[in-house]
Amino acid sequence: MENYLTVFINDEPFNCESSMSLKNILLYLDFDIQVVLVEYNKNILSSLEFDSVFLKNNDHLEVITIVGGG
């Protein structure tokens, strides 16, 4: 039986399996991990950390997509 938790992504509740890494969650939500900034519980994360971060119940993420233009 899987364990589920609720986290908040851009202030919206999101239910996920506790075994999912941050990278898994971002990919599941169709974020391009090459062009996002992630704030995890008020700390900015490096994209190199996405694989090793596993969320806990009620954690907060802010995901910002970088868009270029001319």
C-alpha atoms as a PDB file:
ATOM      1  CA  MET A   1       0.000   0.000   0.000  1.00  0.00           C
ATOM      2  CA  GLU A   2       1.356   3.385  -1.026  1.00  0.00           C
ATOM      3  CA  ASN A   3       1.617   6.333   1.322  1.00  0.00           C
ATOM      4  CA  TYR A   4       0.153   9.562   0.036  1.00  0.00           C
ATOM      5  CA  LEU A   5       0.733  13.105   1.157  1.00  0.00           C
ATOM      6  CA  THR A   6      -0.554  16.562   0.362  1.00  0.00           C
ATOM      7  CA  VAL A   7       1.826  19.330  -0.616  1.00  0.00           C
ATOM      8  CA  PHE A   8       1.100  22.830  -1.862  1.00  0.00           C
ATOM      9  CA  ILE A   9       2.404  23.832  -5.268  1.00  0.00           C
ATOM     10  CA  ASN A  10       1.922  27.519  -6.062  1.00  0.00           C
ATOM     11  CA  ASP A  11      -0.611  27.599  -3.194  1.00  0.00           C
ATOM     12  CA  GLU A  12      -2.701  24.771  -4.685  1.00  0.00           C
ATOM     13  CA  PRO A  13      -3.010  21.429  -2.851  1.00  0.00           C
ATOM     14  CA  PHE A  14      -1.517  18.470  -4.685  1.00  0.00           C
ATOM     15  CA  ASN A  15      -1.753  14.830  -3.581  1.00  0.00           C
ATOM     16  CA  CYS A  16       1.136  12.580  -4.471  1.00  0.00           C
ATOM     17  CA  GLU A  17       2.868   9.377  -3.465  1.00  0.00           C
ATOM     18  CA  SER A  18       5.428   9.884  -0.728  1.00  0.00           C
ATOM     19  CA  SER A  19       7.979   7.974  -2.829  1.00  0.00           C
ATOM     20  CA  MET A  20       8.000  10.667  -5.557  1.00  0.00           C
ATOM     21  CA  SER A  21      11.035  12.937  -5.717  1.00  0.00           C
ATOM     22  CA  LEU A  22      10.660  16.608  -6.524  1.00  0.00           C
ATOM     23  CA  LYS A  23      11.898  15.841 -10.033  1.00  0.00           C
ATOM     24  CA  ASN A  24       9.198  13.153 -10.456  1.00  0.00           C
ATOM     25  CA  ILE A  25       6.511  15.611  -9.362  1.00  0.00           C
ATOM     26  CA  LEU A  26       7.720  18.384 -11.670  1.00  0.00           C
ATOM     27  CA  LEU A  27       7.835  16.011 -14.635  1.00  0.00           C
ATOM     28  CA  TYR A  28       4.412  14.582 -13.769  1.00  0.00           C
ATOM     29  CA  LEU A  29       3.023  18.142 -13.826  1.00  0.00           C
ATOM     30  CA  ASP A  30       4.687  18.783 -17.220  1.00  0.00           C
ATOM     31  CA  PHE A  31       7.154  21.399 -16.005  1.00  0.00           C
ATOM     32  CA  ASP A  32      10.291  21.753 -18.118  1.00  0.00           C
ATOM     33  CA  ILE A  33      12.883  21.221 -15.386  1.00  0.00           C
ATOM     34  CA  GLN A  34      15.510  22.992 -17.479  1.00  0.00           C
ATOM     35  CA  VAL A  35      13.697  26.338 -17.202  1.00  0.00           C
ATOM     36  CA  VAL A  36      12.136  26.440 -13.730  1.00  0.00           C
ATOM     37  CA  LEU A  37      13.118  27.927 -10.410  1.00  0.00           C
ATOM     38  CA  VAL A  38      11.828  26.106  -7.343  1.00  0.00           C
ATOM     39  CA  GLU A  39      11.400  27.530  -3.873  1.00  0.00           C
ATOM     40  CA  TYR A  40      10.972  24.731  -1.330  1.00  0.00           C
ATOM     41  CA  ASN A  41       9.748  25.868   2.089  1.00  0.00           C
ATOM     42  CA  LYS A  42      11.240  29.328   1.446  1.00  0.00           C
ATOM     43  CA  ASN A  43      14.611  27.998   0.188  1.00  0.00           C
ATOM     44  CA  ILE A  44      15.685  28.224  -3.456  1.00  0.00           C
ATOM     45  CA  LEU A  45      16.816  24.858  -4.794  1.00  0.00           C
ATOM     46  CA  SER A  46      19.379  24.062  -7.441  1.00  0.00           C
ATOM     47  CA  SER A  47      18.097  21.852 -10.247  1.00  0.00           C
ATOM     48  CA  LEU A  48      20.840  19.406  -9.217  1.00  0.00           C
ATOM     49  CA  GLU A  49      18.871  18.807  -5.998  1.00  0.00           C
ATOM     50  CA  PHE A  50      15.560  17.884  -7.648  1.00  0.00           C
ATOM     51  CA  ASP A  51      16.358  14.135  -7.655  1.00  0.00           C
ATOM     52  CA  SER A  52      17.268  14.020  -3.979  1.00  0.00           C
ATOM     53  CA  VAL A  53      14.416  16.074  -2.494  1.00  0.00           C
ATOM     54  CA  PHE A  54      11.476  14.072  -1.168  1.00  0.00           C
ATOM     55  CA  LEU A  55       8.585  16.120   0.140  1.00  0.00           C
ATOM     56  CA  LYS A  56       6.764  15.819   3.436  1.00  0.00           C
ATOM     57  CA  ASN A  57       3.100  16.389   4.171  1.00  0.00           C
ATOM     58  CA  ASN A  58       2.131  20.097   3.968  1.00  0.00           C
ATOM     59  CA  ASP A  59       5.403  21.208   2.364  1.00  0.00           C
ATOM     60  CA  HIS A  60       5.201  24.285   0.143  1.00  0.00           C
ATOM     61  CA  LEU A  61       6.654  24.716  -3.334  1.00  0.00           C
ATOM     62  CA  GLU A  62       6.661  27.762  -5.544  1.00  0.00           C
ATOM     63  CA  VAL A  63       7.523  26.891  -9.133  1.00  0.00           C
ATOM     64  CA  ILE A  64       8.456  29.712 -11.478  1.00  0.00           C
ATOM     65  CA  THR A  65       8.895  29.095 -15.184  1.00  0.00           C
ATOM     66  CA  ILE A  66      11.520  31.207 -16.936  1.00  0.00           C
ATOM     67  CA  VAL A  67      10.303  32.540 -20.282  1.00  0.00           C
ATOM     68  CA  GLY A  68      12.588  34.229 -22.782  1.00  0.00           C
ATOM     69  CA  GLY A  69      11.438  36.766 -25.269  1.00  0.00           C
ATOM     70  CA  GLY A  70      12.608  39.427 -27.555  1.00  0.00           C
END
